[in-house]
Amino acid sequence: MPTTTHPFAVEDIAPGTVIDETNTETRSVPMGTFAPVELGQTALGPVLADEPVLASGLGEPSEVVPEGWWSLEMPLPRGAHSGDAAQIVLLDNDQVASGIVVEGVVDDPLGSGQGLVAVEPEQAADVARAAGEGRAVVMIAPP
């Protein structure tokens, strides 16, 4: 039976992580087992160690944003990943807005700690105002 190579995760890969040669290895599989994938794309969901990387689980970070929602850059907790559910607390008025992490924080001790969060259009202006004034805190739901 003819074979081809396909990438498999060598470690657990969190949503929002770029899938590349550093977190995958190629293995021989029978031709036609999996649709071909292009490395360098973002994991839209978790990929567990030893699982194949599937084309349906890859895309661009913007694909996690519901249509009509607005995105803005905000300080995020460490470990926030694309696709994570978020709650944004507006400190002055105790308002809470729901959101989705579009781009998580880069694991860099010298990084900005900023990420991209999408919010519903009805709350976008209030969240943007509070974030711009430093009055918003983002909480991430545990996986």
C-alpha atoms as a PDB file:
ATOM      1  CA  MET A   1       0.000   0.000   0.000  1.00  0.00           C
ATOM      2  CA  PRO A   2       1.460   3.436  -0.908  1.00  0.00           C
ATOM      3  CA  THR A   3       2.294   5.754   1.992  1.00  0.00           C
ATOM      4  CA  THR A   4       2.880   9.426   2.552  1.00  0.00           C
ATOM      5  CA  THR A   5       4.038  11.515   5.502  1.00  0.00           C
ATOM      6  CA  HIS A   6       1.753  13.471   7.802  1.00  0.00           C
ATOM      7  CA  PRO A   7       2.466  15.701  10.840  1.00  0.00           C
ATOM      8  CA  PHE A   8       1.649  14.440  14.340  1.00  0.00           C
ATOM      9  CA  ALA A   9       1.868  16.484  17.549  1.00  0.00           C
ATOM     10  CA  VAL A  10       4.924  15.708  19.700  1.00  0.00           C
ATOM     11  CA  GLU A  11       3.395  17.566  22.661  1.00  0.00           C
ATOM     12  CA  ASP A  12      -0.007  18.904  23.675  1.00  0.00           C
ATOM     13  CA  ILE A  13      -0.716  21.941  21.494  1.00  0.00           C
ATOM     14  CA  ALA A  14      -3.039  24.630  22.849  1.00  0.00           C
ATOM     15  CA  PRO A  15      -5.518  26.528  20.679  1.00  0.00           C
ATOM     16  CA  GLY A  16      -3.922  29.613  19.172  1.00  0.00           C
ATOM     17  CA  THR A  17      -0.486  27.984  18.854  1.00  0.00           C
ATOM     18  CA  VAL A  18       1.261  27.983  15.491  1.00  0.00           C
ATOM     19  CA  ILE A  19       1.723  24.405  14.307  1.00  0.00           C
ATOM     20  CA  ASP A  20       5.187  23.932  12.853  1.00  0.00           C
ATOM     21  CA  GLU A  21       8.290  21.721  12.941  1.00  0.00           C
ATOM     22  CA  THR A  22       8.946  22.560  16.609  1.00  0.00           C
ATOM     23  CA  ASN A  23       5.783  20.867  17.899  1.00  0.00           C
ATOM     24  CA  THR A  24       5.220  18.164  15.275  1.00  0.00           C
ATOM     25  CA  GLU A  25       6.980  15.246  13.651  1.00  0.00           C
ATOM     26  CA  THR A  26       6.151  13.532  10.387  1.00  0.00           C
ATOM     27  CA  ARG A  27       5.088   9.906  10.339  1.00  0.00           C
ATOM     28  CA  SER A  28       4.289   7.523   7.513  1.00  0.00           C
ATOM     29  CA  VAL A  29       0.593   6.846   6.974  1.00  0.00           C
ATOM     30  CA  PRO A  30      -1.326   5.135   4.159  1.00  0.00           C
ATOM     31  CA  MET A  31      -2.105   7.586   1.342  1.00  0.00           C
ATOM     32  CA  GLY A  32      -5.538   9.164   1.647  1.00  0.00           C
ATOM     33  CA  THR A  33      -5.773   8.650   5.428  1.00  0.00           C
ATOM     34  CA  PHE A  34      -5.682  12.390   6.170  1.00  0.00           C
ATOM     35  CA  ALA A  35      -6.167  15.507   4.077  1.00  0.00           C
ATOM     36  CA  PRO A  36      -2.819  17.250   3.517  1.00  0.00           C
ATOM     37  CA  VAL A  37      -1.987  20.091   5.915  1.00  0.00           C
ATOM     38  CA  GLU A  38       0.284  23.078   5.573  1.00  0.00           C
ATOM     39  CA  LEU A  39       2.438  23.851   8.608  1.00  0.00           C
ATOM     40  CA  GLY A  40       2.601  27.426   9.890  1.00  0.00           C
ATOM     41  CA  GLN A  41      -1.139  27.734  10.553  1.00  0.00           C
ATOM     42  CA  THR A  42      -2.820  28.241  13.921  1.00  0.00           C
ATOM     43  CA  ALA A  43      -4.452  25.471  15.946  1.00  0.00           C
ATOM     44  CA  LEU A  44      -8.143  26.361  16.286  1.00  0.00           C
ATOM     45  CA  GLY A  45      -8.598  23.774  19.042  1.00  0.00           C
ATOM     46  CA  PRO A  46      -6.384  21.573  21.213  1.00  0.00           C
ATOM     47  CA  VAL A  47      -4.216  18.904  19.591  1.00  0.00           C
ATOM     48  CA  LEU A  48      -3.019  16.244  22.022  1.00  0.00           C
ATOM     49  CA  ALA A  49       0.427  14.668  21.882  1.00  0.00           C
ATOM     50  CA  ASP A  50       0.638  11.790  19.356  1.00  0.00           C
ATOM     51  CA  GLU A  51      -2.548  12.919  17.556  1.00  0.00           C
ATOM     52  CA  PRO A  52      -2.452  13.722  13.841  1.00  0.00           C
ATOM     53  CA  VAL A  53      -2.718  17.373  12.872  1.00  0.00           C
ATOM     54  CA  LEU A  54      -5.965  17.697  10.912  1.00  0.00           C
ATOM     55  CA  ALA A  55      -6.676  20.298   8.255  1.00  0.00           C
ATOM     56  CA  SER A  56     -10.085  20.956   9.831  1.00  0.00           C
ATOM     57  CA  GLY A  57      -8.376  22.064  13.065  1.00  0.00           C
ATOM     58  CA  LEU A  58      -6.127  24.676  11.457  1.00  0.00           C
ATOM     59  CA  GLY A  59      -6.749  28.237  10.358  1.00  0.00           C
ATOM     60  CA  GLU A  60      -6.113  31.854  11.147  1.00  0.00           C
ATOM     61  CA  PRO A  61      -6.723  33.378  14.598  1.00  0.00           C
ATOM     62  CA  SER A  62      -9.435  35.632  13.160  1.00  0.00           C
ATOM     63  CA  GLU A  63     -11.542  32.532  12.417  1.00  0.00           C
ATOM     64  CA  VAL A  64     -12.496  32.298  16.104  1.00  0.00           C
ATOM     65  CA  VAL A  65     -14.289  35.688  16.022  1.00  0.00           C
ATOM     66  CA  PRO A  66     -18.074  35.539  15.544  1.00  0.00           C
ATOM     67  CA  GLU A  67     -19.376  37.676  12.701  1.00  0.00           C
ATOM     68  CA  GLY A  68     -20.074  41.268  13.718  1.00  0.00           C
ATOM     69  CA  TRP A  69     -17.930  41.215  16.872  1.00  0.00           C
ATOM     70  CA  TRP A  70     -15.194  43.823  17.422  1.00  0.00           C
ATOM     71  CA  SER A  71     -11.609  43.064  18.461  1.00  0.00           C
ATOM     72  CA  LEU A  72      -9.273  45.182  20.564  1.00  0.00           C
ATOM     73  CA  GLU A  73      -5.846  44.795  22.110  1.00  0.00           C
ATOM     74  CA  MET A  74      -5.831  44.374  25.891  1.00  0.00           C
ATOM     75  CA  PRO A  75      -3.606  43.008  28.665  1.00  0.00           C
ATOM     76  CA  LEU A  76      -4.358  39.292  29.022  1.00  0.00           C
ATOM     77  CA  PRO A  77      -3.492  36.711  31.667  1.00  0.00           C
ATOM     78  CA  ARG A  78      -0.525  34.474  30.931  1.00  0.00           C
ATOM     79  CA  GLY A  79      -1.620  31.303  29.218  1.00  0.00           C
ATOM     80  CA  ALA A  80      -4.476  32.928  27.289  1.00  0.00           C
ATOM     81  CA  HIS A  81      -4.871  31.242  23.900  1.00  0.00           C
ATOM     82  CA  SER A  82      -6.889  31.853  20.774  1.00  0.00           C
ATOM     83  CA  GLY A  83     -10.428  30.580  21.242  1.00  0.00           C
ATOM     84  CA  ASP A  84     -10.480  30.884  25.053  1.00  0.00           C
ATOM     85  CA  ALA A  85     -13.662  32.280  26.584  1.00  0.00           C
ATOM     86  CA  ALA A  86     -13.074  35.584  28.362  1.00  0.00           C
ATOM     87  CA  GLN A  87     -14.935  37.810  30.797  1.00  0.00           C
ATOM     88  CA  ILE A  88     -13.958  41.482  30.757  1.00  0.00           C
ATOM     89  CA  VAL A  89     -14.712  43.315  34.003  1.00  0.00           C
ATOM     90  CA  LEU A  90     -15.140  47.077  33.639  1.00  0.00           C
ATOM     91  CA  LEU A  91     -13.904  48.343  36.997  1.00  0.00           C
ATOM     92  CA  ASP A  92     -15.766  51.626  37.422  1.00  0.00           C
ATOM     93  CA  ASN A  93     -19.274  50.332  36.861  1.00  0.00           C
ATOM     94  CA  ASP A  94     -18.991  46.610  37.673  1.00  0.00           C
ATOM     95  CA  GLN A  95     -20.177  45.763  34.169  1.00  0.00           C
ATOM     96  CA  VAL A  96     -19.021  42.403  32.760  1.00  0.00           C
ATOM     97  CA  ALA A  97     -18.687  41.751  29.031  1.00  0.00           C
ATOM     98  CA  SER A  98     -18.241  38.394  27.373  1.00  0.00           C
ATOM     99  CA  GLY A  99     -15.399  37.940  24.939  1.00  0.00           C
ATOM    100  CA  ILE A 100     -13.227  35.509  23.040  1.00  0.00           C
ATOM    101  CA  VAL A 101      -9.430  35.593  22.879  1.00  0.00           C
ATOM    102  CA  VAL A 102      -8.394  36.055  19.254  1.00  0.00           C
ATOM    103  CA  GLU A 103      -4.636  36.138  19.789  1.00  0.00           C
ATOM    104  CA  GLY A 104      -3.147  35.117  23.115  1.00  0.00           C
ATOM    105  CA  VAL A 105      -0.125  36.470  24.913  1.00  0.00           C
ATOM    106  CA  VAL A 106       3.243  35.402  23.538  1.00  0.00           C
ATOM    107  CA  ASP A 107       5.177  33.408  26.136  1.00  0.00           C
ATOM    108  CA  ASP A 108       7.954  35.993  26.388  1.00  0.00           C
ATOM    109  CA  PRO A 109       9.004  37.400  29.778  1.00  0.00           C
ATOM    110  CA  LEU A 110       9.909  40.681  28.069  1.00  0.00           C
ATOM    111  CA  GLY A 111       6.716  40.766  25.982  1.00  0.00           C
ATOM    112  CA  SER A 112       3.946  43.319  26.323  1.00  0.00           C
ATOM    113  CA  GLY A 113       1.395  40.964  27.880  1.00  0.00           C
ATOM    114  CA  GLN A 114      -1.065  42.275  25.295  1.00  0.00           C
ATOM    115  CA  GLY A 115      -3.390  40.095  23.261  1.00  0.00           C
ATOM    116  CA  LEU A 116      -6.391  40.522  21.038  1.00  0.00           C
ATOM    117  CA  VAL A 117      -9.925  40.034  22.428  1.00  0.00           C
ATOM    118  CA  ALA A 118     -13.201  40.060  20.500  1.00  0.00           C
ATOM    119  CA  VAL A 119     -16.369  41.374  22.158  1.00  0.00           C
ATOM    120  CA  GLU A 120     -20.029  41.593  21.165  1.00  0.00           C
ATOM    121  CA  PRO A 121     -20.935  44.728  19.218  1.00  0.00           C
ATOM    122  CA  GLU A 122     -23.343  45.932  21.945  1.00  0.00           C
ATOM    123  CA  GLN A 123     -20.520  46.063  24.512  1.00  0.00           C
ATOM    124  CA  ALA A 124     -17.589  46.946  22.250  1.00  0.00           C
ATOM    125  CA  ALA A 125     -17.613  50.720  22.870  1.00  0.00           C
ATOM    126  CA  ASP A 126     -17.823  50.367  26.668  1.00  0.00           C
ATOM    127  CA  VAL A 127     -15.013  47.783  26.692  1.00  0.00           C
ATOM    128  CA  ALA A 128     -12.827  49.877  24.386  1.00  0.00           C
ATOM    129  CA  ARG A 129     -13.324  52.982  26.523  1.00  0.00           C
ATOM    130  CA  ALA A 130     -12.526  51.115  29.754  1.00  0.00           C
ATOM    131  CA  ALA A 131      -9.509  49.354  28.199  1.00  0.00           C
ATOM    132  CA  GLY A 132      -8.157  52.652  26.883  1.00  0.00           C
ATOM    133  CA  GLU A 133      -8.411  54.158  30.366  1.00  0.00           C
ATOM    134  CA  GLY A 134      -6.870  51.103  32.073  1.00  0.00           C
ATOM    135  CA  ARG A 135     -10.167  50.222  33.800  1.00  0.00           C
ATOM    136  CA  ALA A 136     -10.707  46.749  32.344  1.00  0.00           C
ATOM    137  CA  VAL A 137      -9.488  43.356  33.566  1.00  0.00           C
ATOM    138  CA  VAL A 138      -9.737  40.176  31.513  1.00  0.00           C
ATOM    139  CA  MET A 139     -10.453  36.820  33.101  1.00  0.00           C
ATOM    140  CA  ILE A 140      -9.997  33.587  31.146  1.00  0.00           C
ATOM    141  CA  ALA A 141     -12.106  30.476  31.723  1.00  0.00           C
ATOM    142  CA  PRO A 142     -10.078  27.419  32.734  1.00  0.00           C
ATOM    143  CA  PRO A 143      -9.689  24.833  29.955  1.00  0.00           C
END
